[in-house]
Protein backbone atom coordinates (compact mmCIF):
# COMPACT_ATOMS: atom_id res chain seq x y z
CA MET A 1 -0.07 0.03 0.05
CA LYS A 2 1.33 3.31 -0.91
CA VAL A 3 -0.07 7.21 -1.14
CA GLY A 4 -2.59 7.47 -3.96
CA ASP A 5 -3.68 3.68 -3.84
CA ILE A 6 -7.54 3.42 -4.13
CA VAL A 7 -8.82 1.46 -0.84
CA ARG A 8 -11.98 0.14 1.14
CA GLN A 9 -12.27 -0.84 4.65
CA GLY A 10 -12.19 -4.55 4.66
CA ASP A 11 -13.06 -7.09 7.44
CA THR A 12 -9.69 -8.45 8.29
CA LEU A 13 -9.69 -6.83 11.65
CA VAL A 14 -12.97 -6.49 12.44
CA LYS A 15 -15.97 -8.47 11.17
CA MET A 16 -19.68 -7.38 12.16
CA LYS A 17 -21.95 -10.00 12.41
CA GLY A 18 -25.05 -9.66 9.82
CA ARG A 19 -23.40 -6.66 8.15
CA ALA A 20 -21.51 -6.77 4.87
CA PRO A 21 -18.20 -4.88 4.92
CA SER A 22 -18.17 -1.32 3.57
CA ALA A 23 -18.38 -0.58 -0.25
CA MET A 24 -17.19 2.84 0.11
CA LEU A 25 -13.86 3.59 -1.65
CA GLY A 26 -11.13 6.25 -0.92
CA VAL A 27 -7.61 7.49 -1.59
CA VAL A 28 -4.48 6.97 0.61
CA ILE A 29 -3.22 10.52 1.41
CA GLU A 30 -0.72 9.91 3.98
CA MET A 31 1.23 6.80 5.45
CA SER A 32 3.26 7.21 8.59
CA ILE A 33 4.95 4.51 10.33
CA ASN A 34 3.65 3.52 13.93
CA ASP A 35 5.53 4.99 17.00
CA ALA A 36 7.37 1.83 18.46
CA ASP A 37 6.90 2.96 21.82
CA ALA A 38 3.26 3.36 21.79
CA ILE A 39 2.25 0.18 19.90
CA PRO A 40 3.47 -2.86 21.30
CA LEU A 41 5.23 -5.27 18.74
CA LYS A 42 2.39 -8.02 18.64
CA TRP A 43 -0.33 -5.55 17.91
CA ARG A 44 1.93 -3.81 15.10
CA LYS A 45 2.26 -7.44 13.42
CA TRP A 46 -1.62 -7.67 13.60
CA LEU A 47 -2.33 -4.02 12.81
CA GLY A 48 0.26 -2.93 10.28
CA ALA A 49 3.55 -0.85 10.38
CA HIS A 50 1.87 2.14 9.13
CA VAL A 51 -1.05 4.54 10.17
CA VAL A 52 -3.03 5.81 6.98
CA ALA A 53 -4.93 8.67 6.60
CA VAL A 54 -7.73 8.18 3.82
CA LEU A 55 -10.13 10.86 2.11
CA TRP A 56 -13.20 9.14 1.27
CA ALA A 57 -15.35 9.14 -1.61
CA ASN A 58 -18.10 11.23 0.55
CA GLY A 59 -15.47 14.03 1.24
CA LYS A 60 -14.69 12.67 4.84
CA LEU A 61 -11.06 12.09 6.12
CA THR A 62 -10.15 9.48 8.25
CA GLU A 63 -6.76 9.47 10.08
CA ASN A 64 -4.85 7.05 11.84
CA MET A 65 -6.27 3.78 10.35
CA ALA A 66 -4.77 0.64 10.70
CA GLU A 67 -2.77 -0.29 7.73
CA HIS A 68 -4.13 -4.00 7.72
CA SER A 69 -7.92 -2.76 7.99
CA LEU A 70 -7.87 -1.34 4.62
CA GLU A 71 -8.13 -3.62 1.43
CA VAL A 72 -6.12 -2.18 -1.94
CA ILE A 73 -8.47 -1.79 -4.76
CA SER A 74 -6.30 -0.08 -7.32
CA ASP A 75 -2.75 0.91 -6.97
CA SER A 76 -1.37 4.38 -8.17
CA ASN A 77 1.66 2.92 -10.28
């Protein structure tokens, strides 16, 4: 995953019973490395090494999303 990729929120980390994963698309606008002191290594392996900011198709910005909570639909080559 990199800045410019088109993503949607996947169901890798959270699965809601009786509800399909979101179909809303967004664009990765920023990625930063998780602070090594703030998140234990065990959790970083599960959540991903980066925190991600996504601008969604509805115009809303979500910051600090776990890298592994997103699914890349199209990359920005």
